[in-house]
Amino acid sequence: MISIVLKGWELLRKYILTIPRFDLFLQGALLIVIFLESNIFLLLRRNDNTGFIHTINQDWVKVGVGIVEFLLGVVVAWQGKGWRNFTLSFWLGITAISGLIILAFPFPNINVPDVELCAGGAITKYSEVIDPHQVIRGVFLVITAVLCGLTKISIWAHGITYLDDHEPQSGPYFYGILISIRLSLGLSGTNWLRPGSVREDWYEAHVSLSMLTLMFSILYTLFPRQMPSYKEIDPLERTCLLQPLRRVLKNRALILQSLGMSFLTIAIFGFNNYETSLLQTKFYVETIRQDPRTSRVIIDIFRSLVIIFFVSIFRMRFSGRRNDGVKATTASKVGGAVAVFVGVLFCVLAALSCNTGDMAGLNSEYRQPECSMQCGCTSESYGFSPVCEVDSQTTYFSPCHAGCNQYEDLNGFLILQNCTCGAQTQRAVRGGCSLLPSCALIYNIYLVFFTVMLAAGAASLLMQGMVILRCTRRLDKPLAVGVAFAIVGLVSHALGHLLYMLISELTCAYKVNGVCIFHGDIVWVMPVVSVVFCLISAVFSFAASRASINKVVTLNGVS
């Protein structure tokens, strides 16, 4: 019996517990943790009783997570450098357990918040109920969000360095796949998980994500500390954190490139957090739900394929050509040049616009039209759901704000009737008036350029991330990655997100109970700010290249 077990373990180590499998599991772990984090923030919205609407509490939690990443990122990376697979397993496991604890505090059963008619008609019902678990559930939601942030640092600091140390010539390949996942499927998680987050069976997606995270935690305990083919170059240091940290902080190329990566991260993710608000203002489209004419399901799939393809070009170009895949100087130059290209694409996104026509009640601020004031609308529960009044070709914020009392569903095409704000026929149709004659083409061009921007951004982040791995001794790689992501946490996830929160506040045109429901035309300043950050990122990347030119760093036996 023992011999059978030993034989099975030998086969497992030979065919399953290999570098390609480690890479595959790491891809899955990153994707699941990102989805779990997205679901956590969606559940925070539900915990705040705002349905689908983005809340200020969600923003403050993101800022808090960024600060924790800055304070603990270095410690997370350093404390597990000797047993990277077990450390990665620990962070995945503790995140999964925290996620499962949330299930002990279920949400009260309520109907899904949806669009209402005037006087609360037949489209939807939305009831307020007492929630005895709101506070304690909120605490564990925040804790799990923090753990997701630290776990992502562990994935980069322990997972990617484990792979890179064993096969440095494939470093761009390993890093590129993770970046592709982060900017393709990862950004789609919120859209895919949003409908389930407000249903009575919300726990199904949450328990699945938590258990998958726990599964990856268990899998990584099976891998060896080092593969048999691993070549030891730098002996493991047995010292306190301060000495290697001082050595890493003196690496000018590393610090400069970390700042460059931080500003590019601000530009991409800061803009993406409010991209739906920009679309609502630019094109009067419904972004929370899927209007058949403006559905983004297909474009999300297309976006993932484009990003993966675009990053694959860089992965294949810089993998296997050298023993270390790519030099730090080359990577920083390419990363900086692509960051400039990303800035150009942001300029295009800022410039694209069309004639959206008039929206009733919107000037510098939005006020509900007087013709529907008697309806008792609760727009804070469902957000921007535009309709077009057919007689005047005027867009209204929602069916309720147009005073519509009845509707007819013609195979997904919604006709609203008896609208008190209407002139003759008193009819309206779902969607903004701009989509019917003029804005459809510009809207689709915008989506294409947005996809290309994300693809180019992913390529730039790939090359900038490779600088972090290549300008550092192998011994210091986990700590260097921890320092880099700690800087990203402070500069991008905390300070950068605060800046975009400020822009959102200053450009808000319609606010209900402290929650911004709709932004004014000046929201175009967001992509302009992202352009500035892309250029700053390029400057830091080029500076990192110059800092690396005359510096001799021994990496994996190559000088």
Protein backbone atom coordinates (compact mmCIF):
# COMPACT_ATOMS: atom_id res chain seq x y z
CA MET A 1 0.00 0.00 0.00
CA ILE A 2 2.80 2.41 0.91
CA SER A 3 4.62 1.62 -2.33
CA ILE A 4 1.46 2.46 -4.32
CA VAL A 5 1.14 5.79 -2.52
CA LEU A 6 4.82 6.59 -3.14
CA LYS A 7 4.48 5.63 -6.79
CA GLY A 8 1.42 7.85 -7.14
CA TRP A 9 3.25 10.75 -5.48
CA GLU A 10 6.20 10.26 -7.83
CA LEU A 11 3.90 10.41 -10.85
CA LEU A 12 2.19 13.46 -9.42
CA ARG A 13 5.51 15.27 -8.96
CA LYS A 14 6.70 14.27 -12.44
CA TYR A 15 3.64 15.07 -14.54
CA ILE A 16 1.41 17.42 -12.53
CA LEU A 17 3.55 19.46 -10.14
CA THR A 18 5.56 21.13 -12.89
CA ILE A 19 6.34 24.70 -13.89
CA PRO A 20 3.65 24.80 -16.63
CA ARG A 21 1.05 23.60 -14.09
CA PHE A 22 2.27 26.14 -11.52
CA ASP A 23 1.81 28.83 -14.16
CA LEU A 24 -1.65 27.55 -15.08
CA PHE A 25 -2.77 27.47 -11.44
CA LEU A 26 -1.36 30.97 -10.91
CA GLN A 27 -3.44 32.29 -13.80
CA GLY A 28 -6.54 30.71 -12.31
CA ALA A 29 -5.75 31.98 -8.82
CA LEU A 30 -5.31 35.58 -10.00
CA LEU A 31 -8.54 35.50 -12.02
CA ILE A 32 -10.57 34.03 -9.14
CA VAL A 33 -9.16 36.49 -6.59
CA ILE A 34 -10.01 39.40 -8.93
CA PHE A 35 -13.55 38.05 -9.37
CA LEU A 36 -13.88 37.56 -5.62
CA GLU A 37 -12.72 41.14 -5.03
CA SER A 38 -15.20 42.43 -7.64
CA ASN A 39 -18.00 40.50 -5.98
CA ILE A 40 -17.01 41.89 -2.58
CA PHE A 41 -17.39 45.46 -3.82
CA LEU A 42 -20.75 44.60 -5.41
CA LEU A 43 -21.92 43.14 -2.10
CA LEU A 44 -20.74 46.33 -0.37
CA ARG A 45 -23.20 48.21 -2.58
CA ARG A 46 -25.96 45.87 -1.54
CA ASN A 47 -24.91 46.18 2.09
CA ASP A 48 -25.34 49.96 1.75
CA ASN A 49 -28.83 49.47 0.24
CA THR A 50 -27.91 51.19 -3.04
CA GLY A 51 -28.64 48.28 -5.38
CA PHE A 52 -26.53 48.69 -8.52
CA ILE A 53 -25.25 52.18 -7.69
CA HIS A 54 -21.60 52.93 -6.90
CA THR A 55 -21.28 54.22 -3.31
CA ILE A 56 -18.86 56.55 -1.52
CA ASN A 57 -18.17 53.78 1.02
CA GLN A 58 -16.90 51.60 -1.82
CA ASP A 59 -14.47 54.35 -2.81
CA TRP A 60 -13.17 54.77 0.74
CA VAL A 61 -12.63 51.03 1.05
CA LYS A 62 -10.56 51.07 -2.16
CA VAL A 63 -8.46 53.91 -0.77
CA GLY A 64 -8.04 52.00 2.50
CA VAL A 65 -6.95 48.87 0.65
CA GLY A 66 -4.32 50.93 -1.19
CA ILE A 67 -2.96 52.27 2.12
CA VAL A 68 -2.80 48.76 3.61
CA GLU A 69 -0.96 47.55 0.49
CA PHE A 70 1.58 50.33 1.02
CA LEU A 71 2.02 49.54 4.71
CA LEU A 72 2.10 45.74 4.48
CA GLY A 73 3.10 44.98 0.88
CA VAL A 74 6.81 44.85 1.66
CA VAL A 75 6.24 42.61 4.70
CA VAL A 76 3.99 40.26 2.70
CA ALA A 77 6.64 39.89 -0.01
CA TRP A 78 9.61 39.51 2.36
CA GLN A 79 8.24 37.11 4.96
CA GLY A 80 7.60 34.31 2.46
CA LYS A 81 10.59 34.57 0.15
CA GLY A 82 12.07 31.26 1.33
CA TRP A 83 8.85 29.26 0.97
CA ARG A 84 7.04 31.06 -1.78
CA ASN A 85 4.54 28.34 -2.65
CA PHE A 86 3.45 27.93 0.99
CA THR A 87 3.23 31.69 1.51
CA LEU A 88 1.07 32.02 -1.59
CA SER A 89 -1.06 29.16 -0.27
CA PHE A 90 -1.43 30.94 3.09
CA TRP A 91 -2.74 34.19 1.59
CA LEU A 92 -5.12 32.37 -0.74
CA GLY A 93 -6.37 30.28 2.16
CA ILE A 94 -6.96 33.12 4.60
CA THR A 95 -8.75 35.14 1.89
CA ALA A 96 -11.02 32.17 1.11
CA ILE A 97 -11.83 31.66 4.79
CA SER A 98 -12.68 35.32 5.25
CA GLY A 99 -14.93 35.15 2.20
CA LEU A 100 -16.71 32.07 3.55
CA ILE A 101 -17.34 33.75 6.91
CA ILE A 102 -19.48 36.35 5.09
CA LEU A 103 -21.97 33.55 4.34
CA ALA A 104 -22.77 33.41 8.07
CA PHE A 105 -24.44 36.83 7.75
CA PRO A 106 -26.97 36.49 4.90
CA PHE A 107 -28.74 39.39 3.27
CA PRO A 108 -32.48 39.73 3.86
CA ASN A 109 -34.53 38.63 0.87
CA ILE A 110 -35.45 41.60 -1.31
CA ASN A 111 -36.44 42.00 -4.91
CA VAL A 112 -33.87 43.11 -7.47
CA PRO A 113 -33.88 46.93 -7.84
CA ASP A 114 -35.00 47.79 -11.32
CA VAL A 115 -36.51 50.59 -13.31
CA GLU A 116 -39.87 51.90 -12.07
CA LEU A 117 -42.84 53.54 -13.69
CA CYS A 118 -44.50 56.73 -12.50
CA ALA A 119 -46.01 56.17 -9.03
CA GLY A 120 -44.14 52.86 -8.68
CA GLY A 121 -45.84 50.95 -11.45
CA ALA A 122 -45.46 47.43 -12.78
CA ILE A 123 -41.82 47.32 -13.97
CA THR A 124 -40.42 46.75 -10.52
CA LYS A 125 -40.83 46.68 -6.80
CA TYR A 126 -38.21 47.66 -4.29
CA SER A 127 -38.83 47.29 -0.57
CA GLU A 128 -36.84 48.44 2.43
CA VAL A 129 -36.33 45.78 5.09
CA ILE A 130 -34.51 45.62 8.40
CA ASP A 131 -31.03 44.08 8.08
CA PRO A 132 -29.67 42.95 11.48
CA HIS A 133 -26.34 41.76 9.99
CA GLN A 134 -25.48 44.93 8.08
CA VAL A 135 -22.62 46.13 10.30
CA ILE A 136 -20.87 42.82 10.99
CA ARG A 137 -21.26 41.74 7.38
CA GLY A 138 -19.80 45.05 6.26
CA VAL A 139 -16.79 44.52 8.52
CA PHE A 140 -16.00 41.13 6.98
CA LEU A 141 -16.60 42.46 3.49
CA VAL A 142 -13.95 45.13 4.14
CA ILE A 143 -11.56 42.59 5.68
CA THR A 144 -11.95 40.31 2.67
CA ALA A 145 -11.35 43.23 0.29
CA VAL A 146 -8.10 44.02 2.12
CA LEU A 147 -7.03 40.37 2.02
CA CYS A 148 -7.75 40.22 -1.72
CA GLY A 149 -5.39 43.16 -2.22
CA LEU A 150 -2.61 41.52 -0.17
CA THR A 151 -3.18 38.18 -1.90
CA LYS A 152 -2.66 39.81 -5.30
CA ILE A 153 0.66 41.15 -4.03
CA SER A 154 1.60 37.62 -2.97
CA ILE A 155 0.66 36.28 -6.41
CA TRP A 156 3.07 38.73 -8.03
CA ALA A 157 5.80 38.65 -5.38
CA HIS A 158 5.84 34.89 -4.76
CA GLY A 159 4.11 33.32 -7.74
CA ILE A 160 5.67 35.23 -10.63
CA THR A 161 9.16 35.21 -9.06
CA TYR A 162 8.90 31.44 -8.50
CA LEU A 163 8.26 31.01 -12.21
CA ASP A 164 10.83 33.59 -13.29
CA ASP A 165 13.60 32.06 -11.17
CA HIS A 166 13.04 28.63 -12.70
CA GLU A 167 12.62 29.78 -16.32
CA PRO A 168 13.91 33.36 -16.64
CA GLN A 169 13.91 33.16 -20.45
CA SER A 170 10.10 32.81 -20.25
CA GLY A 171 9.63 35.70 -17.81
CA PRO A 172 7.77 37.97 -20.27
CA TYR A 173 5.52 35.04 -21.16
CA PHE A 174 4.56 34.38 -17.52
CA TYR A 175 4.15 38.05 -16.64
CA GLY A 176 2.25 38.81 -19.84
CA ILE A 177 -0.40 36.18 -19.22
CA LEU A 178 -1.16 37.58 -15.77
CA ILE A 179 -1.36 41.14 -17.10
CA SER A 180 -3.69 39.94 -19.88
CA ILE A 181 -5.97 38.36 -17.32
CA ARG A 182 -5.94 41.47 -15.14
CA LEU A 183 -6.96 43.81 -17.95
CA SER A 184 -9.25 41.54 -19.96
CA LEU A 185 -11.34 39.06 -18.01
CA GLY A 186 -10.59 40.81 -14.72
CA LEU A 187 -12.24 44.08 -15.77
CA SER A 188 -15.33 42.20 -16.96
CA GLY A 189 -15.93 40.61 -13.57
CA THR A 190 -18.11 43.42 -12.25
CA ASN A 191 -20.41 43.33 -15.29
CA TRP A 192 -20.76 39.55 -15.13
CA LEU A 193 -21.32 39.35 -11.38
CA ARG A 194 -23.57 42.42 -10.96
CA PRO A 195 -26.93 40.71 -11.68
CA GLY A 196 -26.32 37.92 -9.16
CA SER A 197 -25.17 40.27 -6.40
CA VAL A 198 -28.71 41.57 -5.79
CA ARG A 199 -30.61 38.30 -6.10
CA GLU A 200 -31.74 36.04 -3.28
CA ASP A 201 -29.23 33.41 -4.43
CA TRP A 202 -26.29 35.87 -4.20
CA TYR A 203 -24.40 33.30 -2.14
CA GLU A 204 -24.01 30.87 -5.06
CA ALA A 205 -21.41 32.96 -6.89
CA HIS A 206 -19.75 34.01 -3.64
CA VAL A 207 -19.34 30.51 -2.23
CA SER A 208 -18.08 29.27 -5.60
CA LEU A 209 -15.39 31.96 -5.76
CA SER A 210 -14.36 31.41 -2.13
CA MET A 211 -14.12 27.65 -2.55
CA LEU A 212 -12.12 27.97 -5.76
CA THR A 213 -9.71 30.28 -3.93
CA LEU A 214 -9.40 27.63 -1.20
CA MET A 215 -8.80 24.96 -3.84
CA PHE A 216 -5.84 26.88 -5.28
CA SER A 217 -4.53 27.35 -1.75
CA ILE A 218 -4.49 23.59 -1.24
CA LEU A 219 -2.92 22.93 -4.65
CA TYR A 220 0.06 25.18 -3.93
CA THR A 221 0.92 23.24 -0.77
CA LEU A 222 1.73 20.25 -3.01
CA PHE A 223 4.43 22.01 -5.01
CA PRO A 224 8.06 21.74 -3.88
CA ARG A 225 9.96 24.75 -2.57
CA GLN A 226 12.24 24.38 -5.59
CA MET A 227 12.01 22.24 -8.69
CA PRO A 228 14.80 19.67 -9.26
CA SER A 229 16.06 21.75 -12.20
CA TYR A 230 16.42 24.90 -10.07
CA LYS A 231 19.93 26.36 -10.04
CA GLU A 232 20.89 28.13 -6.83
CA ILE A 233 22.85 31.30 -7.57
CA ASP A 234 22.39 33.54 -4.54
CA PRO A 235 22.24 31.79 -1.16
CA LEU A 236 19.13 32.55 0.87
CA GLU A 237 19.76 35.44 3.29
CA ARG A 238 19.07 34.84 6.96
CA THR A 239 18.70 38.43 8.08
CA CYS A 240 16.11 40.95 9.17
CA LEU A 241 14.05 42.96 6.73
CA LEU A 242 15.97 46.23 7.04
CA GLN A 243 19.20 45.20 5.32
CA PRO A 244 17.69 43.85 2.07
CA LEU A 245 15.08 46.62 2.10
CA ARG A 246 17.81 49.25 2.26
CA ARG A 247 19.54 47.56 -0.67
CA VAL A 248 16.35 47.53 -2.72
CA LEU A 249 15.46 51.14 -1.95
CA LYS A 250 18.90 52.23 -3.19
CA ASN A 251 18.12 50.73 -6.61
CA ARG A 252 17.26 53.90 -8.58
CA ALA A 253 16.05 51.99 -11.62
CA LEU A 254 13.63 49.98 -9.48
CA ILE A 255 12.16 53.00 -7.69
CA LEU A 256 11.83 55.04 -10.88
CA GLN A 257 10.14 52.19 -12.73
CA SER A 258 7.83 51.52 -9.78
CA LEU A 259 6.69 55.14 -9.95
CA GLY A 260 6.24 54.82 -13.71
CA MET A 261 4.12 51.72 -13.27
CA SER A 262 2.10 53.50 -10.55
CA PHE A 263 1.18 56.43 -12.77
CA LEU A 264 0.21 54.16 -15.66
CA THR A 265 -1.93 52.13 -13.26
CA ILE A 266 -3.65 55.35 -12.13
CA ALA A 267 -4.32 56.32 -15.74
CA ILE A 268 -5.88 52.99 -16.69
CA PHE A 269 -7.69 51.82 -13.57
CA GLY A 270 -8.66 55.28 -12.33
CA PHE A 271 -10.31 55.99 -15.66
CA ASN A 272 -11.89 52.54 -15.82
CA ASN A 273 -13.56 53.04 -12.42
CA TYR A 274 -15.59 55.91 -13.89
CA GLU A 275 -15.72 54.86 -17.53
CA THR A 276 -19.41 53.97 -17.33
CA SER A 277 -20.14 57.48 -16.00
CA LEU A 278 -18.30 58.93 -18.99
CA LEU A 279 -20.33 56.80 -21.39
CA GLN A 280 -23.59 57.91 -19.80
CA THR A 281 -22.66 61.56 -20.19
CA LYS A 282 -21.10 61.33 -23.67
CA PHE A 283 -23.72 59.15 -25.38
CA TYR A 284 -26.73 58.92 -23.03
CA VAL A 285 -26.46 55.12 -22.97
CA GLU A 286 -27.65 52.72 -20.31
CA THR A 287 -24.55 51.10 -18.80
CA ILE A 288 -25.86 49.33 -15.70
CA ARG A 289 -28.30 47.10 -17.58
CA GLN A 290 -28.13 45.65 -21.06
CA ASP A 291 -30.10 47.69 -23.55
CA PRO A 292 -30.13 45.44 -26.69
CA ARG A 293 -28.85 48.36 -28.80
CA THR A 294 -25.90 49.16 -26.50
CA SER A 295 -25.13 45.78 -24.96
CA ARG A 296 -21.44 45.31 -24.10
CA VAL A 297 -21.51 41.51 -23.73
CA ILE A 298 -20.00 40.91 -27.17
CA ILE A 299 -17.52 43.77 -26.83
CA ASP A 300 -16.33 42.37 -23.48
CA ILE A 301 -15.50 39.06 -25.16
CA PHE A 302 -13.90 40.86 -28.11
CA ARG A 303 -11.91 43.05 -25.70
CA SER A 304 -10.46 40.02 -23.93
CA LEU A 305 -9.35 38.47 -27.21
CA VAL A 306 -7.74 41.71 -28.43
CA ILE A 307 -5.83 42.26 -25.18
CA ILE A 308 -4.59 38.67 -25.07
CA PHE A 309 -3.51 38.86 -28.72
CA PHE A 310 -1.79 42.25 -28.32
CA VAL A 311 0.11 41.24 -25.19
CA SER A 312 1.02 37.90 -26.82
CA ILE A 313 2.97 39.81 -29.47
CA PHE A 314 5.17 41.32 -26.76
CA ARG A 315 5.40 38.03 -24.87
CA MET A 316 6.60 36.13 -27.91
CA ARG A 317 8.91 38.96 -29.03
CA PHE A 318 10.77 39.05 -25.72
CA SER A 319 10.56 35.40 -24.54
CA GLY A 320 13.28 32.86 -25.22
CA ARG A 321 15.58 35.25 -27.12
CA ARG A 322 17.94 35.68 -24.13
CA ASN A 323 18.68 33.72 -21.00
CA ASP A 324 16.79 36.35 -19.04
CA GLY A 325 14.12 37.05 -21.69
CA VAL A 326 14.63 40.82 -21.88
CA LYS A 327 17.07 43.40 -20.51
CA ALA A 328 15.91 46.01 -18.01
CA THR A 329 17.00 48.88 -20.27
CA THR A 330 15.13 47.51 -23.28
CA ALA A 331 12.00 46.79 -21.25
CA SER A 332 11.89 50.28 -19.74
CA LYS A 333 12.34 51.97 -23.12
CA VAL A 334 9.61 49.88 -24.74
CA GLY A 335 7.33 50.35 -21.73
CA GLY A 336 7.80 54.12 -21.88
CA ALA A 337 7.18 54.32 -25.62
CA VAL A 338 3.98 52.26 -25.36
CA ALA A 339 2.83 54.44 -22.42
CA VAL A 340 3.03 57.45 -24.76
CA PHE A 341 0.88 55.55 -27.26
CA VAL A 342 -1.64 54.83 -24.48
CA GLY A 343 -1.74 58.59 -23.79
CA VAL A 344 -2.54 59.24 -27.46
CA LEU A 345 -5.42 56.76 -27.26
CA PHE A 346 -6.75 58.53 -24.17
CA CYS A 347 -6.71 61.76 -26.21
CA VAL A 348 -8.90 60.07 -28.81
CA LEU A 349 -11.30 58.84 -26.09
CA ALA A 350 -11.56 62.37 -24.69
CA ALA A 351 -12.20 63.87 -28.15
CA LEU A 352 -14.84 61.40 -29.37
CA SER A 353 -18.31 62.86 -28.95
CA CYS A 354 -21.56 63.38 -30.79
CA ASN A 355 -24.70 65.48 -30.65
CA THR A 356 -26.72 63.84 -27.89
CA GLY A 357 -29.55 66.36 -28.05
CA ASP A 358 -31.36 67.67 -25.00
CA MET A 359 -31.94 65.90 -21.72
CA ALA A 360 -34.89 67.19 -19.74
CA GLY A 361 -33.85 68.82 -16.46
CA LEU A 362 -30.11 68.91 -17.21
CA ASN A 363 -28.22 72.21 -17.19
CA SER A 364 -25.15 72.60 -15.01
CA GLU A 365 -27.03 70.41 -12.53
CA TYR A 366 -29.84 67.94 -13.02
CA ARG A 367 -33.30 68.42 -11.54
CA GLN A 368 -36.26 66.16 -12.07
CA PRO A 369 -38.73 67.69 -14.56
CA GLU A 370 -41.82 69.24 -13.00
CA CYS A 371 -44.07 67.14 -15.24
CA SER A 372 -43.12 64.02 -13.24
CA MET A 373 -42.66 65.43 -9.74
CA GLN A 374 -45.86 63.71 -8.58
CA CYS A 375 -44.46 60.25 -9.44
CA GLY A 376 -42.37 59.70 -6.31
CA CYS A 377 -39.37 58.35 -8.22
CA THR A 378 -36.53 56.57 -6.37
CA SER A 379 -33.77 56.85 -8.94
CA GLU A 380 -31.09 56.22 -6.30
CA SER A 381 -32.02 52.53 -6.37
CA TYR A 382 -31.54 51.90 -10.09
CA GLY A 383 -29.58 54.77 -11.66
CA PHE A 384 -29.53 56.20 -15.17
CA SER A 385 -32.10 54.42 -17.37
CA PRO A 386 -32.74 56.82 -20.26
CA VAL A 387 -35.86 56.92 -22.41
CA CYS A 388 -36.59 58.96 -25.52
CA GLU A 389 -39.89 60.84 -25.73
CA VAL A 390 -40.90 60.29 -29.34
CA ASP A 391 -42.71 63.57 -30.04
CA SER A 392 -40.10 66.07 -28.84
CA GLN A 393 -37.06 63.77 -29.27
CA THR A 394 -36.01 64.66 -25.72
CA THR A 395 -34.11 62.25 -23.51
CA TYR A 396 -35.39 61.69 -19.97
CA PHE A 397 -33.40 60.27 -17.08
CA SER A 398 -35.74 57.30 -16.59
CA PRO A 399 -39.28 56.13 -17.37
CA CYS A 400 -40.39 57.49 -13.99
CA HIS A 401 -38.82 60.90 -14.64
CA ALA A 402 -40.69 60.98 -17.97
CA GLY A 403 -43.92 60.32 -16.09
CA CYS A 404 -44.63 57.03 -17.91
CA ASN A 405 -47.38 54.91 -16.36
CA GLN A 406 -47.49 51.84 -18.64
CA TYR A 407 -45.15 49.84 -20.84
CA GLU A 408 -45.27 47.21 -23.56
CA ASP A 409 -42.45 44.77 -24.25
CA LEU A 410 -42.11 43.95 -27.97
CA ASN A 411 -39.50 41.18 -27.95
CA GLY A 412 -37.05 43.25 -25.92
CA PHE A 413 -37.99 46.61 -27.48
CA LEU A 414 -39.63 48.60 -24.69
CA ILE A 415 -42.49 50.98 -25.54
CA LEU A 416 -43.57 53.27 -22.67
CA GLN A 417 -47.05 54.78 -22.71
CA ASN A 418 -49.14 57.42 -20.93
CA CYS A 419 -46.07 59.54 -20.21
CA THR A 420 -47.15 62.79 -18.53
CA CYS A 421 -44.09 64.60 -19.94
CA GLY A 422 -45.06 63.68 -23.48
CA ALA A 423 -46.73 66.09 -25.88
CA GLN A 424 -49.14 64.30 -28.25
CA THR A 425 -48.80 60.51 -28.30
CA GLN A 426 -47.38 60.46 -24.74
CA ARG A 427 -45.05 57.64 -25.74
CA ALA A 428 -41.38 56.98 -25.18
CA VAL A 429 -38.90 54.25 -26.09
CA ARG A 430 -36.06 52.78 -24.10
CA GLY A 431 -32.65 54.41 -24.61
CA GLY A 432 -31.42 57.94 -25.26
CA CYS A 433 -32.62 59.78 -28.38
CA SER A 434 -29.03 60.20 -29.57
CA LEU A 435 -28.63 56.49 -30.32
CA LEU A 436 -31.36 56.47 -32.94
CA PRO A 437 -29.96 58.88 -35.59
CA SER A 438 -26.44 60.03 -34.88
CA CYS A 439 -24.40 58.52 -32.05
CA ALA A 440 -24.45 54.79 -32.74
CA LEU A 441 -21.35 54.82 -34.96
CA ILE A 442 -19.33 57.12 -32.68
CA TYR A 443 -20.31 55.00 -29.67
CA ASN A 444 -18.98 51.84 -31.31
CA ILE A 445 -15.79 53.61 -32.42
CA TYR A 446 -15.31 54.68 -28.80
CA LEU A 447 -15.59 51.05 -27.63
CA VAL A 448 -12.98 49.97 -30.18
CA PHE A 449 -10.49 52.63 -29.08
CA PHE A 450 -11.17 51.80 -25.43
CA THR A 451 -10.30 48.18 -26.16
CA VAL A 452 -7.10 49.15 -27.99
CA MET A 453 -6.16 51.45 -25.10
CA LEU A 454 -6.48 48.58 -22.61
CA ALA A 455 -4.45 46.29 -24.88
CA ALA A 456 -1.65 48.84 -25.26
CA GLY A 457 -1.80 49.57 -21.53
CA ALA A 458 -1.41 45.88 -20.76
CA ALA A 459 1.65 45.70 -23.03
CA SER A 460 3.22 48.71 -21.33
CA LEU A 461 2.55 47.29 -17.86
CA LEU A 462 4.11 44.01 -19.01
CA MET A 463 7.35 45.69 -20.05
CA GLN A 464 7.47 47.95 -17.01
CA GLY A 465 6.88 44.97 -14.75
CA MET A 466 9.75 43.10 -16.39
CA VAL A 467 12.04 45.99 -15.44
CA ILE A 468 11.24 45.29 -11.78
CA LEU A 469 12.32 41.66 -12.24
CA ARG A 470 15.40 42.39 -14.34
CA CYS A 471 17.01 45.31 -12.50
CA THR A 472 17.20 43.33 -9.25
CA ARG A 473 19.27 40.46 -7.94
CA ARG A 474 17.45 37.15 -7.90
CA LEU A 475 17.74 37.10 -4.11
CA ASP A 476 15.84 40.40 -3.86
CA LYS A 477 13.12 39.73 -6.44
CA PRO A 478 10.22 38.99 -4.06
CA LEU A 479 11.10 42.02 -1.93
CA ALA A 480 11.55 44.22 -5.01
CA VAL A 481 8.11 43.23 -6.30
CA GLY A 482 6.68 43.91 -2.84
CA VAL A 483 8.25 47.38 -2.80
CA ALA A 484 6.95 48.09 -6.31
CA PHE A 485 3.39 47.08 -5.48
CA ALA A 486 3.53 48.94 -2.17
CA ILE A 487 4.35 52.09 -4.16
CA VAL A 488 1.55 51.26 -6.60
CA GLY A 489 -0.81 50.81 -3.65
CA LEU A 490 -0.03 54.25 -2.23
CA VAL A 491 0.38 56.29 -5.41
CA SER A 492 -2.30 54.61 -7.54
CA HIS A 493 -4.87 52.79 -5.40
CA ALA A 494 -4.91 55.40 -2.61
CA LEU A 495 -3.79 58.86 -3.80
CA GLY A 496 -4.74 58.28 -7.43
CA HIS A 497 -8.18 57.00 -6.54
CA LEU A 498 -8.68 60.00 -4.25
CA LEU A 499 -7.93 62.28 -7.19
CA TYR A 500 -10.51 60.57 -9.41
CA MET A 501 -13.00 60.69 -6.53
CA LEU A 502 -12.44 64.45 -6.38
CA ILE A 503 -12.97 64.77 -10.14
CA SER A 504 -16.15 62.71 -9.84
CA GLU A 505 -17.40 64.97 -7.06
CA LEU A 506 -16.63 68.18 -8.95
CA THR A 507 -18.25 66.96 -12.19
CA CYS A 508 -21.36 65.43 -10.61
CA ALA A 509 -24.62 66.86 -11.96
CA TYR A 510 -27.14 64.74 -10.04
CA LYS A 511 -26.56 63.53 -6.52
CA VAL A 512 -29.02 61.66 -4.29
CA ASN A 513 -28.24 60.93 -0.62
CA GLY A 514 -24.54 61.62 -1.19
CA VAL A 515 -24.35 59.22 -4.17
CA CYS A 516 -23.55 60.63 -7.62
CA ILE A 517 -26.09 59.26 -10.10
CA PHE A 518 -25.16 61.26 -13.20
CA HIS A 519 -22.20 63.44 -14.22
CA GLY A 520 -22.06 66.66 -16.21
CA ASP A 521 -20.37 67.28 -19.56
CA ILE A 522 -17.11 68.31 -17.90
CA VAL A 523 -16.47 64.67 -16.96
CA TRP A 524 -14.26 64.54 -20.11
CA VAL A 525 -11.52 65.84 -17.80
CA MET A 526 -11.00 62.26 -16.59
CA PRO A 527 -9.39 60.94 -19.80
CA VAL A 528 -7.38 64.18 -20.03
CA VAL A 529 -5.95 63.54 -16.56
CA SER A 530 -5.15 59.99 -17.68
CA VAL A 531 -3.20 61.43 -20.63
CA VAL A 532 -1.04 63.42 -18.19
CA PHE A 533 -0.41 60.34 -16.06
CA CYS A 534 0.58 58.28 -19.11
CA LEU A 535 3.16 60.89 -20.08
CA ILE A 536 4.51 60.99 -16.52
CA SER A 537 4.76 57.19 -16.59
CA ALA A 538 6.74 57.41 -19.84
CA VAL A 539 9.13 59.95 -18.31
CA PHE A 540 9.81 57.70 -15.32
CA SER A 541 10.30 54.69 -17.62
CA PHE A 542 12.86 56.49 -19.75
CA ALA A 543 14.60 57.71 -16.58
CA ALA A 544 14.70 54.12 -15.29
CA SER A 545 16.32 53.07 -18.56
CA ARG A 546 19.09 55.64 -18.14
CA ALA A 547 19.59 54.58 -14.51
CA SER A 548 20.11 50.98 -15.65
CA ILE A 549 22.53 51.60 -18.53
CA ASN A 550 25.76 51.85 -16.54
CA LYS A 551 24.72 49.58 -13.71
CA VAL A 552 26.01 46.01 -13.70
CA VAL A 553 23.55 43.64 -12.08
CA THR A 554 24.18 39.93 -11.84
CA LEU A 555 20.97 38.09 -12.66
CA ASN A 556 20.68 34.37 -13.07
CA GLY A 557 24.35 34.10 -13.89
CA VAL A 558 24.18 36.76 -16.63
CA SER A 559 25.97 40.10 -16.18
